[in-house]
C-alpha atoms as a PDB file:
ATOM      1  CA  UNK A   1       0.606  16.144  -2.078  1.00  0.00           C
ATOM      2  CA  UNK A   2      -1.744  18.534  -3.675  1.00  0.00           C
ATOM      3  CA  UNK A   3       0.816  19.042  -6.664  1.00  0.00           C
ATOM      4  CA  UNK A   4       0.344  15.388  -7.422  1.00  0.00           C
ATOM      5  CA  UNK A   5      -3.431  15.336  -6.831  1.00  0.00           C
ATOM      6  CA  UNK A   6      -3.614  14.254  -3.187  1.00  0.00           C
ATOM      7  CA  UNK A   7      -6.295  15.966  -1.720  1.00  0.00           C
ATOM      8  CA  UNK A   8      -4.885  17.116   1.560  1.00  0.00           C
ATOM      9  CA  UNK A   9      -8.068  17.585   3.672  1.00  0.00           C
ATOM     10  CA  UNK A  10      -8.625  14.020   3.896  1.00  0.00           C
ATOM     11  CA  UNK A  11      -5.396  13.257   5.915  1.00  0.00           C
ATOM     12  CA  UNK A  12      -6.771  10.569   8.171  1.00  0.00           C
ATOM     13  CA  UNK A  13      -8.069   8.477   5.097  1.00  0.00           C
ATOM     14  CA  UNK A  14      -4.706   8.040   3.577  1.00  0.00           C
ATOM     15  CA  UNK A  15      -2.344   5.071   4.667  1.00  0.00           C
ATOM     16  CA  UNK A  16       0.054   5.408   7.771  1.00  0.00           C
ATOM     17  CA  UNK A  17       3.063   5.997   5.497  1.00  0.00           C
ATOM     18  CA  UNK A  18       2.790   7.699   1.920  1.00  0.00           C
ATOM     19  CA  UNK A  19       5.918   7.914  -0.212  1.00  0.00           C
ATOM     20  CA  UNK A  20       6.461   9.452  -3.786  1.00  0.00           C
ATOM     21  CA  UNK A  21       9.142   8.845  -6.037  1.00  0.00           C
ATOM     22  CA  UNK A  22       9.243  11.774  -8.372  1.00  0.00           C
ATOM     23  CA  UNK A  23      11.910   9.922 -10.872  1.00  0.00           C
ATOM     24  CA  UNK A  24       9.445   6.654 -11.134  1.00  0.00           C
ATOM     25  CA  UNK A  25       6.373   8.607 -10.577  1.00  0.00           C
ATOM     26  CA  UNK A  26       5.278   5.831  -8.035  1.00  0.00           C
ATOM     27  CA  UNK A  27       3.433   6.474  -4.976  1.00  0.00           C
ATOM     28  CA  UNK A  28       3.707   3.979  -2.436  1.00  0.00           C
ATOM     29  CA  UNK A  29       0.915   3.725   0.000  1.00  0.00           C
ATOM     30  CA  UNK A  30       1.866   1.543   3.218  1.00  0.00           C
ATOM     31  CA  UNK A  31      -0.249   0.452   5.735  1.00  0.00           C
ATOM     32  CA  UNK A  32       0.970  -0.393   9.129  1.00  0.00           C
ATOM     33  CA  UNK A  33      -1.295  -3.648   9.762  1.00  0.00           C
ATOM     34  CA  UNK A  34      -1.007  -3.066  13.533  1.00  0.00           C
ATOM     35  CA  UNK A  35      -3.181   0.152  13.379  1.00  0.00           C
ATOM     36  CA  UNK A  36      -5.667  -0.506  10.319  1.00  0.00           C
ATOM     37  CA  UNK A  37      -5.395  -3.905   9.149  1.00  0.00           C
ATOM     38  CA  UNK A  38      -3.644  -4.856   5.482  1.00  0.00           C
ATOM     39  CA  UNK A  39      -4.461  -3.348   2.363  1.00  0.00           C
ATOM     40  CA  UNK A  40      -7.641  -5.040   1.530  1.00  0.00           C
ATOM     41  CA  UNK A  41      -9.606  -5.137  -1.452  1.00  0.00           C
ATOM     42  CA  UNK A  42     -11.995  -3.064   0.363  1.00  0.00           C
ATOM     43  CA  UNK A  43      -9.227  -0.500   1.107  1.00  0.00           C
ATOM     44  CA  UNK A  44      -8.237  -0.704  -2.713  1.00  0.00           C
ATOM     45  CA  UNK A  45     -11.242   0.824  -3.480  1.00  0.00           C
ATOM     46  CA  UNK A  46     -11.457   3.409  -1.301  1.00  0.00           C
ATOM     47  CA  UNK A  47      -8.010   4.701  -1.803  1.00  0.00           C
ATOM     48  CA  UNK A  48      -8.467   4.314  -5.518  1.00  0.00           C
ATOM     49  CA  UNK A  49     -11.429   6.872  -4.973  1.00  0.00           C
ATOM     50  CA  UNK A  50      -9.510   9.065  -2.746  1.00  0.00           C
ATOM     51  CA  UNK A  51      -6.754   9.225  -4.900  1.00  0.00           C
ATOM     52  CA  UNK A  52      -8.518   9.450  -8.413  1.00  0.00           C
ATOM     53  CA  UNK A  53      -6.942  12.698  -9.443  1.00  0.00           C
ATOM     54  CA  UNK A  54      -3.476  11.361  -8.579  1.00  0.00           C
ATOM     55  CA  UNK A  55      -1.901  10.247 -11.993  1.00  0.00           C
ATOM     56  CA  UNK A  56       1.416   8.710 -10.020  1.00  0.00           C
ATOM     57  CA  UNK A  57       1.467   4.746 -10.238  1.00  0.00           C
ATOM     58  CA  UNK A  58       0.216   3.470  -7.126  1.00  0.00           C
ATOM     59  CA  UNK A  59       2.233   0.686  -5.147  1.00  0.00           C
ATOM     60  CA  UNK A  60       0.159  -0.983  -2.172  1.00  0.00           C
ATOM     61  CA  UNK A  61       2.172  -2.383   0.582  1.00  0.00           C
ATOM     62  CA  UNK A  62       0.770  -3.888   4.087  1.00  0.00           C
ATOM     63  CA  UNK A  63       3.622  -3.877   6.764  1.00  0.00           C
ATOM     64  CA  UNK A  64       3.565  -6.629   9.408  1.00  0.00           C
ATOM     65  CA  UNK A  65       5.828  -6.773  12.794  1.00  0.00           C
ATOM     66  CA  UNK A  66       6.462 -10.182  12.131  1.00  0.00           C
ATOM     67  CA  UNK A  67       5.173 -13.254  10.103  1.00  0.00           C
ATOM     68  CA  UNK A  68       2.761 -14.494  12.881  1.00  0.00           C
ATOM     69  CA  UNK A  69       0.852 -11.310  12.434  1.00  0.00           C
ATOM     70  CA  UNK A  70       1.300 -11.787   8.551  1.00  0.00           C
ATOM     71  CA  UNK A  71      -0.339 -15.294   8.752  1.00  0.00           C
ATOM     72  CA  UNK A  72      -3.679 -13.642  10.705  1.00  0.00           C
ATOM     73  CA  UNK A  73      -4.566 -11.454   8.063  1.00  0.00           C
ATOM     74  CA  UNK A  74      -3.080 -13.376   4.701  1.00  0.00           C
ATOM     75  CA  UNK A  75      -6.772 -13.898   3.687  1.00  0.00           C
ATOM     76  CA  UNK A  76      -7.508 -10.290   3.859  1.00  0.00           C
ATOM     77  CA  UNK A  77      -4.812  -9.240   1.565  1.00  0.00           C
ATOM     78  CA  UNK A  78      -5.767  -7.626  -1.549  1.00  0.00           C
ATOM     79  CA  UNK A  79      -4.307  -9.363  -5.046  1.00  0.00           C
ATOM     80  CA  UNK A  80      -1.817  -7.160  -6.893  1.00  0.00           C
ATOM     81  CA  UNK A  81       0.022  -5.810  -3.617  1.00  0.00           C
ATOM     82  CA  UNK A  82       3.060  -5.818  -1.710  1.00  0.00           C
ATOM     83  CA  UNK A  83       3.760  -7.520   1.584  1.00  0.00           C
ATOM     84  CA  UNK A  84       6.815  -6.477   4.120  1.00  0.00           C
ATOM     85  CA  UNK A  85       7.671  -8.469   7.415  1.00  0.00           C
ATOM     86  CA  UNK A  86       9.957  -6.709   9.864  1.00  0.00           C
ATOM     87  CA  UNK A  87      11.177 -10.537  10.506  1.00  0.00           C
ATOM     88  CA  UNK A  88      12.339 -10.651   7.099  1.00  0.00           C
ATOM     89  CA  UNK A  89      13.232  -6.876   5.910  1.00  0.00           C
ATOM     90  CA  UNK A  90      15.403  -7.362   3.067  1.00  0.00           C
ATOM     91  CA  UNK A  91      12.543  -9.378   1.426  1.00  0.00           C
ATOM     92  CA  UNK A  92       8.762  -8.563  -0.156  1.00  0.00           C
ATOM     93  CA  UNK A  93       6.046 -10.485  -0.702  1.00  0.00           C
ATOM     94  CA  UNK A  94       4.073 -10.076  -3.821  1.00  0.00           C
ATOM     95  CA  UNK A  95       0.710 -11.114  -3.940  1.00  0.00           C
ATOM     96  CA  UNK A  96       0.172 -12.517  -7.577  1.00  0.00           C
ATOM     97  CA  UNK A  97       0.656 -10.790 -10.930  1.00  0.00           C
ATOM     98  CA  UNK A  98       3.237 -10.371 -13.351  1.00  0.00           C
ATOM     99  CA  UNK A  99       5.588  -7.820 -12.060  1.00  0.00           C
ATOM    100  CA  UNK A 100       7.027  -7.777  -8.321  1.00  0.00           C
ATOM    101  CA  UNK A 101       6.916  -4.384  -7.545  1.00  0.00           C
ATOM    102  CA  UNK A 102       5.369  -1.214  -9.659  1.00  0.00           C
ATOM    103  CA  UNK A 103       1.967   0.307  -9.963  1.00  0.00           C
ATOM    104  CA  UNK A 104      -0.924  -1.525 -11.999  1.00  0.00           C
END
């Protein structure tokens, strides 16, 4: 984490799951909605500040246990993020934009 510019002293501020694709230089930041809620506009600002020294492209994902939970939080999901629902594991929902998945 230190190698790609992620502060290792602030784990509690990181999302539930952080994955790095070295080949693409993409950092997947995945929030389990049941623990902290979805990737909201406020959360994007917090994470951008925390990861300001990380040069990898950031892909924000909100993970939901089911579609009912997704519907409860849908108005608080940030644009330009991805959504994954356990009910439909082979599909992703993209919130707007010109690309399905990738850093902005």
